[in-house]
Amino acid sequence: MDTEREHLFRFPLIKLPNSRTVRTIVECAAGAFYALGFWLIMDASIYSKTVNGSVVHVTFVDWIPFLCSTLGMLVVNSIDKTQLFNSDAFGQGMQWQARLVLFVGFSLLAVGVAGSFLVLILKFLIKGYDTMPTLGMGIENVGSNMCVMLSCTLLWIIQNLEEDQTLSL
């Protein structure tokens, strides 16, 4: 294979500081985003059962996208990152399996976000519940899944920082 052709589409390396404090700040921010997402879905559920004056309530169907996003976050961040780029002869099977599990994890995150939009559209917008207190429950569902996805992305980026202060894409 031509070596020029192999390196035709190289991504530039992004320089990021590799200090312990930056890692700690990003990890805390990721935890804060997950906590915000959990709070949003809990707020919608509590509002639905106690304060809401309409006939629309948050049910288990509204929780399914959040559960998919949370499961995807756990799967993505539990993968051993060295297995993804292992080029040993014995590691080829492990590399393939790790990449498959990573794909499943990101698919679960995407299903969670897409499912929350689907719930917002089908449960609130199509049925005509477009007044703000009721519509807010659907928007909080979307916001909670977006927060979980952002939290997962932050953790993935900070865990993949190399020791030479670069982030390889």
N, C-alpha and C. Protein backbone atom coordinates (compact mmCIF):
# COMPACT_ATOMS: atom_id res chain seq x y z
N MET A 1 0.82 -1.18 0.00
CA MET A 1 0.00 0.00 0.00
C MET A 1 0.88 1.25 0.00
N ASP A 2 0.47 2.25 -0.67
CA ASP A 2 1.24 3.49 -0.78
C ASP A 2 1.20 4.23 0.56
N THR A 3 2.37 4.65 1.05
CA THR A 3 2.41 5.32 2.35
C THR A 3 1.82 6.71 2.29
N GLU A 4 1.90 7.38 1.12
CA GLU A 4 1.26 8.68 0.99
C GLU A 4 -0.24 8.56 1.10
N ARG A 5 -0.78 7.51 0.56
CA ARG A 5 -2.22 7.30 0.56
C ARG A 5 -2.73 7.00 1.98
N GLU A 6 -1.93 6.31 2.77
CA GLU A 6 -2.34 5.98 4.14
C GLU A 6 -2.52 7.23 4.99
N HIS A 7 -1.67 8.22 4.80
CA HIS A 7 -1.68 9.40 5.65
C HIS A 7 -2.32 10.60 4.97
N LEU A 8 -3.21 10.34 4.04
CA LEU A 8 -3.86 11.42 3.33
C LEU A 8 -4.81 12.20 4.23
N PHE A 9 -5.52 11.50 5.09
CA PHE A 9 -6.50 12.15 5.98
C PHE A 9 -6.03 12.03 7.42
N ARG A 10 -5.03 12.78 7.79
CA ARG A 10 -4.56 12.79 9.17
C ARG A 10 -5.23 13.90 9.93
N PHE A 11 -5.66 13.59 11.11
CA PHE A 11 -6.25 14.61 11.96
C PHE A 11 -5.14 15.27 12.77
N PRO A 12 -5.18 16.58 12.90
CA PRO A 12 -4.16 17.24 13.72
C PRO A 12 -4.38 16.90 15.19
N LEU A 13 -3.30 16.85 15.91
CA LEU A 13 -3.39 16.56 17.34
C LEU A 13 -3.74 17.84 18.08
N ILE A 14 -4.68 17.71 18.98
CA ILE A 14 -5.13 18.85 19.76
C ILE A 14 -4.29 18.89 21.03
N LYS A 15 -3.70 20.02 21.30
CA LYS A 15 -2.88 20.17 22.51
C LYS A 15 -3.76 20.53 23.69
N LEU A 16 -3.77 19.69 24.68
CA LEU A 16 -4.51 19.94 25.91
C LEU A 16 -3.58 19.77 27.09
N PRO A 17 -3.76 20.55 28.13
CA PRO A 17 -2.93 20.36 29.31
C PRO A 17 -3.25 19.02 29.97
N ASN A 18 -2.23 18.41 30.50
CA ASN A 18 -2.38 17.09 31.08
C ASN A 18 -2.13 17.12 32.59
N SER A 19 -2.55 18.16 33.23
CA SER A 19 -2.31 18.25 34.65
C SER A 19 -3.43 17.55 35.42
N ARG A 20 -3.16 17.23 36.63
CA ARG A 20 -4.11 16.53 37.48
C ARG A 20 -5.33 17.40 37.78
N THR A 21 -5.12 18.70 37.91
CA THR A 21 -6.24 19.58 38.23
C THR A 21 -7.23 19.69 37.07
N VAL A 22 -6.72 19.70 35.83
CA VAL A 22 -7.62 19.76 34.68
C VAL A 22 -8.44 18.48 34.60
N ARG A 23 -7.80 17.35 34.83
CA ARG A 23 -8.53 16.08 34.84
C ARG A 23 -9.62 16.08 35.92
N THR A 24 -9.27 16.57 37.09
CA THR A 24 -10.23 16.60 38.18
C THR A 24 -11.40 17.53 37.87
N ILE A 25 -11.10 18.68 37.29
CA ILE A 25 -12.16 19.64 36.95
C ILE A 25 -13.10 19.05 35.90
N VAL A 26 -12.53 18.42 34.87
CA VAL A 26 -13.38 17.84 33.81
C VAL A 26 -14.19 16.67 34.35
N GLU A 27 -13.60 15.85 35.20
CA GLU A 27 -14.35 14.75 35.79
C GLU A 27 -15.48 15.25 36.68
N CYS A 28 -15.22 16.31 37.43
CA CYS A 28 -16.29 16.90 38.26
C CYS A 28 -17.37 17.52 37.39
N ALA A 29 -16.98 18.15 36.29
CA ALA A 29 -17.97 18.71 35.36
C ALA A 29 -18.82 17.61 34.74
N ALA A 30 -18.19 16.48 34.41
CA ALA A 30 -18.95 15.36 33.86
C ALA A 30 -19.94 14.83 34.90
N GLY A 31 -19.52 14.74 36.13
CA GLY A 31 -20.43 14.32 37.19
C GLY A 31 -21.56 15.31 37.40
N ALA A 32 -21.23 16.59 37.29
CA ALA A 32 -22.26 17.62 37.44
C ALA A 32 -23.29 17.54 36.31
N PHE A 33 -22.82 17.29 35.08
CA PHE A 33 -23.76 17.16 33.96
C PHE A 33 -24.65 15.93 34.14
N TYR A 34 -24.09 14.82 34.63
CA TYR A 34 -24.93 13.65 34.87
C TYR A 34 -25.94 13.94 35.98
N ALA A 35 -25.49 14.60 37.03
CA ALA A 35 -26.41 14.94 38.13
C ALA A 35 -27.51 15.88 37.65
N LEU A 36 -27.16 16.83 36.78
CA LEU A 36 -28.15 17.73 36.22
C LEU A 36 -29.17 16.95 35.37
N GLY A 37 -28.67 16.00 34.59
CA GLY A 37 -29.58 15.17 33.78
C GLY A 37 -30.51 14.35 34.65
N PHE A 38 -29.98 13.76 35.71
CA PHE A 38 -30.83 12.98 36.62
C PHE A 38 -31.84 13.88 37.32
N TRP A 39 -31.40 15.07 37.71
CA TRP A 39 -32.31 16.01 38.36
C TRP A 39 -33.43 16.44 37.42
N LEU A 40 -33.11 16.65 36.15
CA LEU A 40 -34.13 17.06 35.19
C LEU A 40 -35.21 16.00 35.02
N ILE A 41 -34.82 14.74 34.90
CA ILE A 41 -35.82 13.68 34.72
C ILE A 41 -36.61 13.46 36.01
N MET A 42 -35.95 13.62 37.16
CA MET A 42 -36.66 13.49 38.43
C MET A 42 -37.62 14.66 38.63
N ASP A 43 -37.22 15.85 38.23
CA ASP A 43 -38.08 17.02 38.34
C ASP A 43 -39.33 16.85 37.49
N ALA A 44 -39.15 16.34 36.28
CA ALA A 44 -40.32 16.10 35.42
C ALA A 44 -41.24 15.06 36.02
N SER A 45 -40.69 14.02 36.62
CA SER A 45 -41.52 12.98 37.23
C SER A 45 -42.27 13.50 38.45
N ILE A 46 -41.59 14.24 39.30
CA ILE A 46 -42.23 14.76 40.50
C ILE A 46 -43.28 15.80 40.14
N TYR A 47 -42.98 16.66 39.18
CA TYR A 47 -43.96 17.64 38.73
C TYR A 47 -45.18 16.95 38.14
N SER A 48 -44.94 15.89 37.41
CA SER A 48 -46.04 15.16 36.78
C SER A 48 -46.99 14.56 37.81
N LYS A 49 -46.46 14.05 38.89
CA LYS A 49 -47.30 13.36 39.88
C LYS A 49 -47.91 14.28 40.92
N THR A 50 -47.30 15.43 41.18
CA THR A 50 -47.79 16.25 42.29
C THR A 50 -48.42 17.58 41.85
N VAL A 51 -47.75 18.33 41.00
CA VAL A 51 -48.18 19.69 40.71
C VAL A 51 -48.98 19.78 39.41
N ASN A 52 -48.70 18.92 38.48
CA ASN A 52 -49.29 19.00 37.14
C ASN A 52 -50.81 18.94 37.20
N GLY A 53 -51.44 19.86 36.50
CA GLY A 53 -52.88 19.90 36.47
C GLY A 53 -53.48 19.25 35.23
N SER A 54 -52.64 18.76 34.33
CA SER A 54 -53.17 18.17 33.10
C SER A 54 -53.26 16.65 33.22
N VAL A 55 -53.69 16.03 32.16
CA VAL A 55 -53.86 14.58 32.16
C VAL A 55 -52.60 13.86 31.72
N VAL A 56 -51.58 14.58 31.31
CA VAL A 56 -50.33 13.97 30.86
C VAL A 56 -49.43 13.76 32.07
N HIS A 57 -48.90 12.54 32.18
CA HIS A 57 -48.01 12.22 33.29
C HIS A 57 -46.77 11.52 32.76
N VAL A 58 -45.67 11.63 33.50
CA VAL A 58 -44.44 10.93 33.15
C VAL A 58 -44.61 9.48 33.59
N THR A 59 -44.45 8.58 32.63
CA THR A 59 -44.58 7.15 32.90
C THR A 59 -43.23 6.47 32.66
N PHE A 60 -43.24 5.14 32.71
CA PHE A 60 -42.01 4.39 32.49
C PHE A 60 -41.49 4.59 31.07
N VAL A 61 -42.36 4.82 30.12
CA VAL A 61 -41.95 5.06 28.74
C VAL A 61 -41.06 6.29 28.65
N ASP A 62 -41.31 7.30 29.47
CA ASP A 62 -40.48 8.50 29.48
C ASP A 62 -39.10 8.24 30.07
N TRP A 63 -39.00 7.23 30.92
CA TRP A 63 -37.74 6.90 31.56
C TRP A 63 -36.85 6.02 30.69
N ILE A 64 -37.40 5.32 29.72
CA ILE A 64 -36.62 4.39 28.90
C ILE A 64 -35.45 5.07 28.20
N PRO A 65 -35.63 6.25 27.56
CA PRO A 65 -34.47 6.89 26.94
C PRO A 65 -33.36 7.24 27.94
N PHE A 66 -33.74 7.70 29.13
CA PHE A 66 -32.74 8.03 30.14
C PHE A 66 -31.99 6.78 30.59
N LEU A 67 -32.70 5.68 30.74
CA LEU A 67 -32.05 4.42 31.13
C LEU A 67 -31.12 3.93 30.05
N CYS A 68 -31.51 4.07 28.77
CA CYS A 68 -30.62 3.69 27.67
C CYS A 68 -29.37 4.57 27.66
N SER A 69 -29.53 5.86 27.87
CA SER A 69 -28.38 6.76 27.90
C SER A 69 -27.44 6.43 29.05
N THR A 70 -28.00 6.14 30.20
CA THR A 70 -27.18 5.80 31.36
C THR A 70 -26.44 4.49 31.13
N LEU A 71 -27.11 3.50 30.58
CA LEU A 71 -26.46 2.23 30.28
C LEU A 71 -25.36 2.41 29.24
N GLY A 72 -25.63 3.23 28.22
CA GLY A 72 -24.61 3.52 27.22
C GLY A 72 -23.40 4.21 27.82
N MET A 73 -23.64 5.12 28.74
CA MET A 73 -22.54 5.81 29.41
C MET A 73 -21.69 4.83 30.21
N LEU A 74 -22.33 3.92 30.91
CA LEU A 74 -21.59 2.92 31.67
C LEU A 74 -20.78 2.01 30.76
N VAL A 75 -21.36 1.60 29.64
CA VAL A 75 -20.66 0.72 28.71
C VAL A 75 -19.46 1.42 28.09
N VAL A 76 -19.66 2.64 27.62
CA VAL A 76 -18.58 3.37 26.94
C VAL A 76 -17.41 3.63 27.88
N ASN A 77 -17.70 4.03 29.10
CA ASN A 77 -16.62 4.40 30.01
C ASN A 77 -16.05 3.23 30.79
N SER A 78 -16.55 2.03 30.57
CA SER A 78 -15.97 0.86 31.24
C SER A 78 -15.04 0.07 30.33
N ILE A 79 -14.86 0.51 29.10
CA ILE A 79 -13.99 -0.18 28.16
C ILE A 79 -12.53 0.17 28.45
N ASP A 80 -11.68 -0.85 28.43
CA ASP A 80 -10.26 -0.62 28.58
C ASP A 80 -9.73 0.02 27.31
N LYS A 81 -9.26 1.25 27.41
CA LYS A 81 -8.89 2.03 26.23
C LYS A 81 -7.68 1.45 25.50
N THR A 82 -6.83 0.70 26.21
CA THR A 82 -5.66 0.12 25.54
C THR A 82 -6.05 -0.98 24.57
N GLN A 83 -7.18 -1.62 24.79
CA GLN A 83 -7.63 -2.68 23.89
C GLN A 83 -8.12 -2.16 22.55
N LEU A 84 -8.52 -0.90 22.49
CA LEU A 84 -9.02 -0.34 21.24
C LEU A 84 -7.92 -0.16 20.20
N PHE A 85 -6.72 0.12 20.65
CA PHE A 85 -5.63 0.42 19.73
C PHE A 85 -4.53 -0.62 19.78
N ASN A 86 -4.79 -1.77 20.36
CA ASN A 86 -3.82 -2.84 20.48
C ASN A 86 -3.60 -3.47 19.11
N SER A 87 -2.35 -3.54 18.67
CA SER A 87 -2.06 -4.09 17.34
C SER A 87 -1.27 -5.40 17.43
N ASP A 88 -1.23 -6.05 18.58
CA ASP A 88 -0.55 -7.33 18.71
C ASP A 88 -1.30 -8.40 17.93
N ALA A 89 -0.60 -9.46 17.62
CA ALA A 89 -1.25 -10.57 16.92
C ALA A 89 -2.29 -11.24 17.81
N PHE A 90 -2.01 -11.32 19.10
CA PHE A 90 -2.96 -11.93 20.02
C PHE A 90 -4.09 -10.97 20.39
N GLY A 91 -3.88 -9.68 20.18
CA GLY A 91 -4.86 -8.69 20.59
C GLY A 91 -5.88 -8.33 19.53
N GLN A 92 -5.78 -8.93 18.34
CA GLN A 92 -6.72 -8.58 17.27
C GLN A 92 -8.15 -8.94 17.64
N GLY A 93 -8.37 -10.08 18.27
CA GLY A 93 -9.72 -10.46 18.69
C GLY A 93 -10.25 -9.55 19.77
N MET A 94 -9.39 -9.19 20.70
CA MET A 94 -9.79 -8.29 21.77
C MET A 94 -10.07 -6.88 21.24
N GLN A 95 -9.28 -6.45 20.25
CA GLN A 95 -9.49 -5.15 19.66
C GLN A 95 -10.85 -5.10 18.97
N TRP A 96 -11.19 -6.12 18.25
CA TRP A 96 -12.47 -6.18 17.55
C TRP A 96 -13.63 -6.19 18.55
N GLN A 97 -13.48 -6.95 19.63
CA GLN A 97 -14.54 -7.02 20.64
C GLN A 97 -14.70 -5.69 21.37
N ALA A 98 -13.59 -5.05 21.69
CA ALA A 98 -13.66 -3.76 22.38
C ALA A 98 -14.32 -2.71 21.50
N ARG A 99 -14.02 -2.72 20.23
CA ARG A 99 -14.63 -1.75 19.31
C ARG A 99 -16.12 -2.04 19.13
N LEU A 100 -16.49 -3.30 19.14
CA LEU A 100 -17.91 -3.65 19.04
C LEU A 100 -18.67 -3.18 20.28
N VAL A 101 -18.09 -3.39 21.44
CA VAL A 101 -18.73 -2.95 22.68
C VAL A 101 -18.82 -1.42 22.73
N LEU A 102 -17.78 -0.75 22.24
CA LEU A 102 -17.81 0.71 22.17
C LEU A 102 -18.91 1.18 21.24
N PHE A 103 -19.08 0.52 20.11
CA PHE A 103 -20.16 0.86 19.18
C PHE A 103 -21.53 0.66 19.84
N VAL A 104 -21.68 -0.42 20.57
CA VAL A 104 -22.95 -0.68 21.26
C VAL A 104 -23.22 0.41 22.30
N GLY A 105 -22.18 0.82 23.02
CA GLY A 105 -22.34 1.87 24.03
C GLY A 105 -22.76 3.20 23.42
N PHE A 106 -22.09 3.60 22.35
CA PHE A 106 -22.47 4.86 21.70
C PHE A 106 -23.84 4.74 21.03
N SER A 107 -24.18 3.54 20.57
CA SER A 107 -25.52 3.33 20.01
C SER A 107 -26.59 3.50 21.08
N LEU A 108 -26.32 3.00 22.27
CA LEU A 108 -27.28 3.18 23.37
C LEU A 108 -27.44 4.66 23.72
N LEU A 109 -26.34 5.40 23.69
CA LEU A 109 -26.44 6.85 23.92
C LEU A 109 -27.29 7.52 22.85
N ALA A 110 -27.05 7.14 21.60
CA ALA A 110 -27.83 7.74 20.50
C ALA A 110 -29.29 7.34 20.58
N VAL A 111 -29.57 6.10 20.96
CA VAL A 111 -30.96 5.66 21.12
C VAL A 111 -31.64 6.43 22.24
N GLY A 112 -30.91 6.72 23.31
CA GLY A 112 -31.49 7.50 24.40
C GLY A 112 -31.87 8.90 23.98
N VAL A 113 -30.98 9.57 23.26
CA VAL A 113 -31.26 10.94 22.83
C VAL A 113 -32.38 10.94 21.79
N ALA A 114 -32.30 10.03 20.82
CA ALA A 114 -33.35 9.97 19.80
C ALA A 114 -34.69 9.57 20.41
N GLY A 115 -34.67 8.68 21.38
CA GLY A 115 -35.90 8.28 22.05
C GLY A 115 -36.54 9.41 22.83
N SER A 116 -35.71 10.25 23.43
CA SER A 116 -36.28 11.37 24.17
C SER A 116 -36.93 12.38 23.22
N PHE A 117 -36.32 12.60 22.06
CA PHE A 117 -36.97 13.45 21.06
C PHE A 117 -38.26 12.81 20.56
N LEU A 118 -38.24 11.51 20.40
CA LEU A 118 -39.44 10.79 19.95
C LEU A 118 -40.57 10.92 20.97
N VAL A 119 -40.24 10.78 22.25
CA VAL A 119 -41.25 10.95 23.30
C VAL A 119 -41.78 12.37 23.30
N LEU A 120 -40.90 13.35 23.15
CA LEU A 120 -41.32 14.75 23.10
C LEU A 120 -42.29 14.99 21.95
N ILE A 121 -41.96 14.47 20.80
CA ILE A 121 -42.81 14.71 19.62
C ILE A 121 -44.12 13.94 19.71
N LEU A 122 -44.04 12.64 20.00
CA LEU A 122 -45.25 11.81 19.98
C LEU A 122 -46.17 12.05 21.16
N LYS A 123 -45.60 12.28 22.33
CA LYS A 123 -46.43 12.38 23.52
C LYS A 123 -46.93 13.80 23.78
N PHE A 124 -46.13 14.79 23.42
CA PHE A 124 -46.49 16.16 23.77
C PHE A 124 -46.90 17.00 22.57
N LEU A 125 -46.10 17.01 21.52
CA LEU A 125 -46.36 17.93 20.42
C LEU A 125 -47.50 17.47 19.51
N ILE A 126 -47.52 16.20 19.14
CA ILE A 126 -48.57 15.72 18.23
C ILE A 126 -49.94 15.73 18.90
N LYS A 127 -49.98 15.41 20.17
CA LYS A 127 -51.26 15.37 20.88
C LYS A 127 -51.74 16.75 21.30
N GLY A 128 -50.97 17.79 21.01
CA GLY A 128 -51.43 19.15 21.24
C GLY A 128 -51.16 19.71 22.62
N TYR A 129 -50.27 19.10 23.39
CA TYR A 129 -49.92 19.64 24.71
C TYR A 129 -48.74 20.59 24.53
N ASP A 130 -48.99 21.74 23.94
CA ASP A 130 -47.91 22.66 23.67
C ASP A 130 -47.88 23.85 24.62
N THR A 131 -48.59 23.74 25.73
CA THR A 131 -48.48 24.78 26.76
C THR A 131 -47.24 24.48 27.60
N MET A 132 -46.64 25.50 28.12
CA MET A 132 -45.31 25.35 28.70
C MET A 132 -45.20 24.45 29.92
N PRO A 133 -46.04 24.48 30.90
CA PRO A 133 -45.77 23.57 32.02
C PRO A 133 -45.82 22.10 31.62
N THR A 134 -46.73 21.75 30.73
CA THR A 134 -46.82 20.36 30.32
C THR A 134 -45.73 20.02 29.31
N LEU A 135 -45.47 20.90 28.38
CA LEU A 135 -44.42 20.68 27.40
C LEU A 135 -43.05 20.64 28.06
N GLY A 136 -42.91 21.31 29.18
CA GLY A 136 -41.64 21.33 29.90
C GLY A 136 -41.20 19.96 30.36
N MET A 137 -42.14 19.05 30.61
CA MET A 137 -41.77 17.69 31.00
C MET A 137 -41.06 16.98 29.85
N GLY A 138 -41.51 17.19 28.63
CA GLY A 138 -40.84 16.60 27.48
C GLY A 138 -39.50 17.24 27.19
N ILE A 139 -39.42 18.55 27.38
CA ILE A 139 -38.15 19.25 27.17
C ILE A 139 -37.13 18.83 28.22
N GLU A 140 -37.58 18.61 29.45
CA GLU A 140 -36.66 18.14 30.49
C GLU A 140 -36.15 16.74 30.19
N ASN A 141 -36.98 15.92 29.57
CA ASN A 141 -36.55 14.58 29.18
C ASN A 141 -35.43 14.66 28.14
N VAL A 142 -35.59 15.53 27.15
CA VAL A 142 -34.55 15.71 26.14
C VAL A 142 -33.29 16.30 26.79
N GLY A 143 -33.47 17.27 27.65
CA GLY A 143 -32.32 17.88 28.32
C GLY A 143 -31.56 16.90 29.20
N SER A 144 -32.28 16.01 29.86
CA SER A 144 -31.59 15.03 30.71
C SER A 144 -30.74 14.08 29.88
N ASN A 145 -31.24 13.65 28.74
CA ASN A 145 -30.46 12.75 27.89
C ASN A 145 -29.28 13.45 27.24
N MET A 146 -29.45 14.72 26.90
CA MET A 146 -28.33 15.48 26.35
C MET A 146 -27.24 15.68 27.41
N CYS A 147 -27.63 15.89 28.65
CA CYS A 147 -26.66 16.04 29.73
C CYS A 147 -25.88 14.75 29.97
N VAL A 148 -26.57 13.61 29.89
CA VAL A 148 -25.88 12.33 30.05
C VAL A 148 -24.90 12.11 28.91
N MET A 149 -25.30 12.45 27.68
CA MET A 149 -24.40 12.29 26.55
C MET A 149 -23.19 13.22 26.67
N LEU A 150 -23.39 14.45 27.11
CA LEU A 150 -22.28 15.37 27.31
C LEU A 150 -21.36 14.88 28.41
N SER A 151 -21.92 14.34 29.47
CA SER A 151 -21.12 13.79 30.55
C SER A 151 -20.26 12.63 30.06
N CYS A 152 -20.85 11.75 29.27
CA CYS A 152 -20.11 10.62 28.73
C CYS A 152 -19.00 11.08 27.79
N THR A 153 -19.28 12.08 26.99
CA THR A 153 -18.27 12.61 26.07
C THR A 153 -17.10 13.24 26.82
N LEU A 154 -17.40 13.99 27.86
CA LEU A 154 -16.33 14.59 28.66
C LEU A 154 -15.46 13.52 29.31
N LEU A 155 -16.08 12.49 29.86
CA LEU A 155 -15.30 11.42 30.49
C LEU A 155 -14.47 10.67 29.46
N TRP A 156 -15.02 10.44 28.29
CA TRP A 156 -14.29 9.73 27.24
C TRP A 156 -13.07 10.53 26.80
N ILE A 157 -13.23 11.82 26.64
CA ILE A 157 -12.11 12.67 26.20
C ILE A 157 -11.03 12.72 27.27
N ILE A 158 -11.42 12.91 28.52
CA ILE A 158 -10.41 13.07 29.57
C ILE A 158 -9.71 11.75 29.86
N GLN A 159 -10.37 10.63 29.65
CA GLN A 159 -9.72 9.34 29.88
C GLN A 159 -8.80 8.95 28.74
N ASN A 160 -8.98 9.53 27.57
CA ASN A 160 -8.14 9.19 26.43
C ASN A 160 -6.98 10.14 26.23
N LEU A 161 -6.74 11.04 27.18
CA LEU A 161 -5.57 11.91 27.06
C LEU A 161 -4.32 11.06 27.19
N GLU A 162 -3.41 11.26 26.28
CA GLU A 162 -2.15 10.53 26.33
C GLU A 162 -1.19 11.25 27.27
N GLU A 163 -0.15 10.58 27.62
CA GLU A 163 0.81 11.15 28.58
C GLU A 163 1.65 12.26 27.97
N ASP A 164 1.73 12.36 26.64
CA ASP A 164 2.53 13.41 26.03
C ASP A 164 1.70 14.66 25.75
N GLN A 165 0.63 14.85 26.47
CA GLN A 165 -0.22 16.05 26.44
C GLN A 165 -0.87 16.29 25.09
N THR A 166 -1.25 15.23 24.42
CA THR A 166 -1.97 15.38 23.16
C THR A 166 -3.20 14.50 23.22
N LEU A 167 -4.17 14.88 22.45
CA LEU A 167 -5.39 14.09 22.31
C LEU A 167 -5.45 13.64 20.87
N SER A 168 -5.39 12.35 20.66
CA SER A 168 -5.44 11.87 19.28
C SER A 168 -6.87 11.56 18.93
N LEU A 169 -7.29 12.07 17.80
CA LEU A 169 -8.65 11.83 17.34
C LEU A 169 -8.62 10.63 16.47
